[in-house]
Amino acid sequence: MARGWESKSVEDQQAEASRDKTSPKKHLTPDQVVREHQLEGMRLSRARVLQQLDSARDPRHRQMLQDALAELDRRILAAQTSG
C-alpha cells in the first residue's frame, strides 16, 4: 500500500518538474521575490489552519481558528492586490 502511494507521489513530482521546465522564467525584482515568499508563507499557514479547523472540537478553539483564517484571507487578498 505504501509503495503505491510513494510511486504516485514520485509521478506527481516528475510531472510538476517537467511543467516547471517548460514554463518561462519570470524575472522578479528583489521586492517581488520577498512578496512572493510572504504570500507563499501565508498560503501555507492558511492550509495549516484549515487542517486544524477540520479536527478542532472546542467551540472557542474553532472560533479562534476561524478568526485566524479570516485574517489570513484578508492579508492574502491585500498582498495579491498590492502587487
N, C-alpha and C. Protein backbone atom coordinates (compact mmCIF):
# COMPACT_ATOMS: atom_id res chain seq x y z
N MET A 1 0.82 -1.18 0.00
CA MET A 1 0.00 0.00 0.00
C MET A 1 0.87 1.26 0.00
N ALA A 2 1.88 1.27 0.84
CA ALA A 2 2.75 2.44 0.88
C ALA A 2 3.50 2.61 -0.43
N ARG A 3 3.80 1.51 -1.08
CA ARG A 3 4.53 1.57 -2.33
C ARG A 3 3.71 2.30 -3.41
N GLY A 4 2.42 2.02 -3.49
CA GLY A 4 1.56 2.68 -4.46
C GLY A 4 1.47 4.17 -4.21
N TRP A 5 1.36 4.55 -2.95
CA TRP A 5 1.29 5.97 -2.61
C TRP A 5 2.59 6.66 -2.95
N GLU A 6 3.71 5.98 -2.66
CA GLU A 6 5.01 6.56 -2.95
C GLU A 6 5.21 6.76 -4.45
N SER A 7 4.83 5.77 -5.26
CA SER A 7 5.03 5.90 -6.70
C SER A 7 4.15 7.00 -7.27
N LYS A 8 2.96 7.18 -6.72
CA LYS A 8 2.08 8.26 -7.18
C LYS A 8 2.72 9.61 -6.85
N SER A 9 3.31 9.71 -5.68
CA SER A 9 3.96 10.94 -5.29
C SER A 9 5.13 11.25 -6.22
N VAL A 10 5.90 10.25 -6.56
CA VAL A 10 7.03 10.44 -7.47
C VAL A 10 6.53 10.86 -8.84
N GLU A 11 5.45 10.24 -9.29
CA GLU A 11 4.87 10.60 -10.59
C GLU A 11 4.41 12.05 -10.59
N ASP A 12 3.77 12.48 -9.52
CA ASP A 12 3.34 13.88 -9.42
C ASP A 12 4.53 14.83 -9.41
N GLN A 13 5.58 14.45 -8.68
CA GLN A 13 6.77 15.29 -8.62
C GLN A 13 7.41 15.42 -10.00
N GLN A 14 7.46 14.33 -10.74
CA GLN A 14 8.06 14.37 -12.06
C GLN A 14 7.24 15.23 -13.01
N ALA A 15 5.92 15.13 -12.92
CA ALA A 15 5.05 15.94 -13.77
C ALA A 15 5.22 17.41 -13.45
N GLU A 16 5.30 17.73 -12.17
CA GLU A 16 5.47 19.12 -11.76
C GLU A 16 6.82 19.66 -12.22
N ALA A 17 7.85 18.84 -12.12
CA ALA A 17 9.18 19.27 -12.55
C ALA A 17 9.21 19.53 -14.05
N SER A 18 8.53 18.71 -14.84
CA SER A 18 8.52 18.92 -16.28
C SER A 18 7.73 20.18 -16.64
N ARG A 19 6.65 20.47 -15.89
CA ARG A 19 5.89 21.71 -16.13
C ARG A 19 6.75 22.91 -15.81
N ASP A 20 7.52 22.83 -14.73
CA ASP A 20 8.38 23.94 -14.34
C ASP A 20 9.43 24.23 -15.41
N LYS A 21 9.94 23.21 -16.05
CA LYS A 21 10.97 23.39 -17.07
C LYS A 21 10.42 24.05 -18.33
N THR A 22 9.17 23.75 -18.66
CA THR A 22 8.59 24.28 -19.89
C THR A 22 8.02 25.69 -19.71
N SER A 23 7.73 26.09 -18.47
CA SER A 23 7.17 27.42 -18.27
C SER A 23 8.28 28.46 -18.30
N PRO A 24 8.00 29.61 -18.90
CA PRO A 24 9.03 30.64 -18.97
C PRO A 24 9.37 31.17 -17.58
N LYS A 25 10.61 31.50 -17.38
CA LYS A 25 11.07 32.03 -16.09
C LYS A 25 10.67 33.50 -15.99
N LYS A 26 10.14 33.87 -14.83
CA LYS A 26 9.81 35.26 -14.58
C LYS A 26 11.02 35.91 -13.92
N HIS A 27 11.34 37.10 -14.37
CA HIS A 27 12.40 37.86 -13.74
C HIS A 27 11.75 38.81 -12.74
N LEU A 28 12.01 38.54 -11.47
CA LEU A 28 11.39 39.31 -10.41
C LEU A 28 12.41 40.22 -9.74
N THR A 29 11.92 41.35 -9.31
CA THR A 29 12.77 42.25 -8.53
C THR A 29 12.92 41.66 -7.13
N PRO A 30 13.92 42.11 -6.38
CA PRO A 30 14.07 41.61 -5.00
C PRO A 30 12.81 41.83 -4.15
N ASP A 31 12.14 42.95 -4.34
CA ASP A 31 10.89 43.21 -3.60
C ASP A 31 9.81 42.21 -3.97
N GLN A 32 9.72 41.89 -5.26
CA GLN A 32 8.73 40.92 -5.71
C GLN A 32 9.03 39.53 -5.16
N VAL A 33 10.30 39.18 -5.07
CA VAL A 33 10.68 37.88 -4.52
C VAL A 33 10.25 37.79 -3.05
N VAL A 34 10.50 38.87 -2.29
CA VAL A 34 10.10 38.89 -0.88
C VAL A 34 8.59 38.76 -0.77
N ARG A 35 7.86 39.50 -1.60
CA ARG A 35 6.40 39.45 -1.57
C ARG A 35 5.88 38.05 -1.91
N GLU A 36 6.49 37.40 -2.91
CA GLU A 36 6.08 36.04 -3.28
C GLU A 36 6.34 35.05 -2.14
N HIS A 37 7.48 35.21 -1.47
CA HIS A 37 7.78 34.33 -0.33
C HIS A 37 6.79 34.54 0.80
N GLN A 38 6.46 35.79 1.07
CA GLN A 38 5.49 36.08 2.12
C GLN A 38 4.12 35.52 1.77
N LEU A 39 3.73 35.68 0.51
CA LEU A 39 2.44 35.17 0.06
C LEU A 39 2.39 33.65 0.17
N GLU A 40 3.46 32.99 -0.21
CA GLU A 40 3.51 31.53 -0.10
C GLU A 40 3.44 31.10 1.36
N GLY A 41 4.11 31.83 2.24
CA GLY A 41 4.04 31.53 3.67
C GLY A 41 2.63 31.67 4.21
N MET A 42 1.93 32.71 3.77
CA MET A 42 0.55 32.90 4.21
C MET A 42 -0.36 31.79 3.69
N ARG A 43 -0.11 31.35 2.46
CA ARG A 43 -0.92 30.25 1.90
C ARG A 43 -0.68 28.96 2.67
N LEU A 44 0.56 28.71 3.04
CA LEU A 44 0.86 27.52 3.84
C LEU A 44 0.23 27.61 5.22
N SER A 45 0.27 28.78 5.81
CA SER A 45 -0.37 28.99 7.12
C SER A 45 -1.87 28.76 7.01
N ARG A 46 -2.46 29.25 5.93
CA ARG A 46 -3.90 29.07 5.71
C ARG A 46 -4.25 27.59 5.61
N ALA A 47 -3.43 26.84 4.88
CA ALA A 47 -3.68 25.40 4.74
C ALA A 47 -3.57 24.71 6.10
N ARG A 48 -2.60 25.11 6.92
CA ARG A 48 -2.43 24.52 8.25
C ARG A 48 -3.63 24.86 9.14
N VAL A 49 -4.11 26.10 9.08
CA VAL A 49 -5.27 26.49 9.89
C VAL A 49 -6.50 25.71 9.45
N LEU A 50 -6.68 25.53 8.15
CA LEU A 50 -7.82 24.75 7.67
C LEU A 50 -7.76 23.32 8.17
N GLN A 51 -6.57 22.75 8.18
CA GLN A 51 -6.40 21.38 8.67
C GLN A 51 -6.74 21.30 10.16
N GLN A 52 -6.29 22.28 10.93
CA GLN A 52 -6.59 22.31 12.36
C GLN A 52 -8.07 22.53 12.60
N LEU A 53 -8.67 23.38 11.79
CA LEU A 53 -10.10 23.66 11.93
C LEU A 53 -10.93 22.40 11.67
N ASP A 54 -10.46 21.59 10.75
CA ASP A 54 -11.16 20.36 10.41
C ASP A 54 -11.23 19.40 11.60
N SER A 55 -10.21 19.42 12.45
CA SER A 55 -10.19 18.47 13.57
C SER A 55 -10.53 19.12 14.91
N ALA A 56 -10.70 20.42 14.96
CA ALA A 56 -10.99 21.10 16.23
C ALA A 56 -12.42 20.82 16.68
N ARG A 57 -12.58 20.60 17.97
CA ARG A 57 -13.91 20.30 18.52
C ARG A 57 -14.40 21.39 19.49
N ASP A 58 -13.48 21.99 20.22
CA ASP A 58 -13.85 23.02 21.19
C ASP A 58 -14.33 24.27 20.46
N PRO A 59 -15.52 24.77 20.80
CA PRO A 59 -16.06 25.95 20.10
C PRO A 59 -15.16 27.19 20.17
N ARG A 60 -14.50 27.39 21.32
CA ARG A 60 -13.61 28.55 21.44
C ARG A 60 -12.38 28.40 20.54
N HIS A 61 -11.86 27.19 20.46
CA HIS A 61 -10.72 26.93 19.59
C HIS A 61 -11.12 27.10 18.13
N ARG A 62 -12.29 26.58 17.77
CA ARG A 62 -12.79 26.73 16.40
C ARG A 62 -12.96 28.21 16.04
N GLN A 63 -13.48 29.00 16.97
CA GLN A 63 -13.66 30.43 16.72
C GLN A 63 -12.32 31.11 16.51
N MET A 64 -11.33 30.75 17.32
CA MET A 64 -10.01 31.32 17.18
C MET A 64 -9.43 30.98 15.81
N LEU A 65 -9.61 29.73 15.37
CA LEU A 65 -9.10 29.32 14.07
C LEU A 65 -9.85 30.01 12.93
N GLN A 66 -11.16 30.19 13.08
CA GLN A 66 -11.93 30.89 12.05
C GLN A 66 -11.49 32.35 11.95
N ASP A 67 -11.20 32.96 13.09
CA ASP A 67 -10.70 34.35 13.09
C ASP A 67 -9.34 34.42 12.40
N ALA A 68 -8.47 33.44 12.70
CA ALA A 68 -7.15 33.40 12.07
C ALA A 68 -7.29 33.20 10.56
N LEU A 69 -8.21 32.36 10.16
CA LEU A 69 -8.45 32.11 8.74
C LEU A 69 -8.93 33.38 8.03
N ALA A 70 -9.84 34.10 8.67
CA ALA A 70 -10.34 35.34 8.09
C ALA A 70 -9.21 36.37 7.95
N GLU A 71 -8.35 36.45 8.96
CA GLU A 71 -7.23 37.39 8.90
C GLU A 71 -6.25 36.99 7.80
N LEU A 72 -5.96 35.71 7.67
CA LEU A 72 -5.06 35.25 6.60
C LEU A 72 -5.67 35.55 5.23
N ASP A 73 -6.96 35.31 5.09
CA ASP A 73 -7.63 35.62 3.81
C ASP A 73 -7.51 37.11 3.49
N ARG A 74 -7.69 37.95 4.51
CA ARG A 74 -7.59 39.40 4.31
C ARG A 74 -6.17 39.77 3.88
N ARG A 75 -5.18 39.20 4.54
CA ARG A 75 -3.79 39.52 4.21
C ARG A 75 -3.39 39.01 2.83
N ILE A 76 -3.86 37.82 2.49
CA ILE A 76 -3.55 37.27 1.15
C ILE A 76 -4.15 38.14 0.07
N LEU A 77 -5.41 38.54 0.27
CA LEU A 77 -6.07 39.40 -0.71
C LEU A 77 -5.35 40.74 -0.84
N ALA A 78 -4.94 41.30 0.29
CA ALA A 78 -4.21 42.58 0.25
C ALA A 78 -2.89 42.43 -0.47
N ALA A 79 -2.18 41.33 -0.23
CA ALA A 79 -0.89 41.11 -0.87
C ALA A 79 -1.05 40.90 -2.38
N GLN A 80 -2.12 40.23 -2.78
CA GLN A 80 -2.34 39.97 -4.20
C GLN A 80 -2.76 41.24 -4.93
N THR A 81 -3.52 42.09 -4.30
CA THR A 81 -3.99 43.30 -4.97
C THR A 81 -2.94 44.41 -4.97
N SER A 82 -2.00 44.37 -4.01
CA SER A 82 -0.98 45.40 -3.97
C SER A 82 0.14 45.13 -4.97
N GLY A 83 0.26 43.90 -5.42
CA GLY A 83 1.35 43.56 -6.34
C GLY A 83 0.90 43.46 -7.70
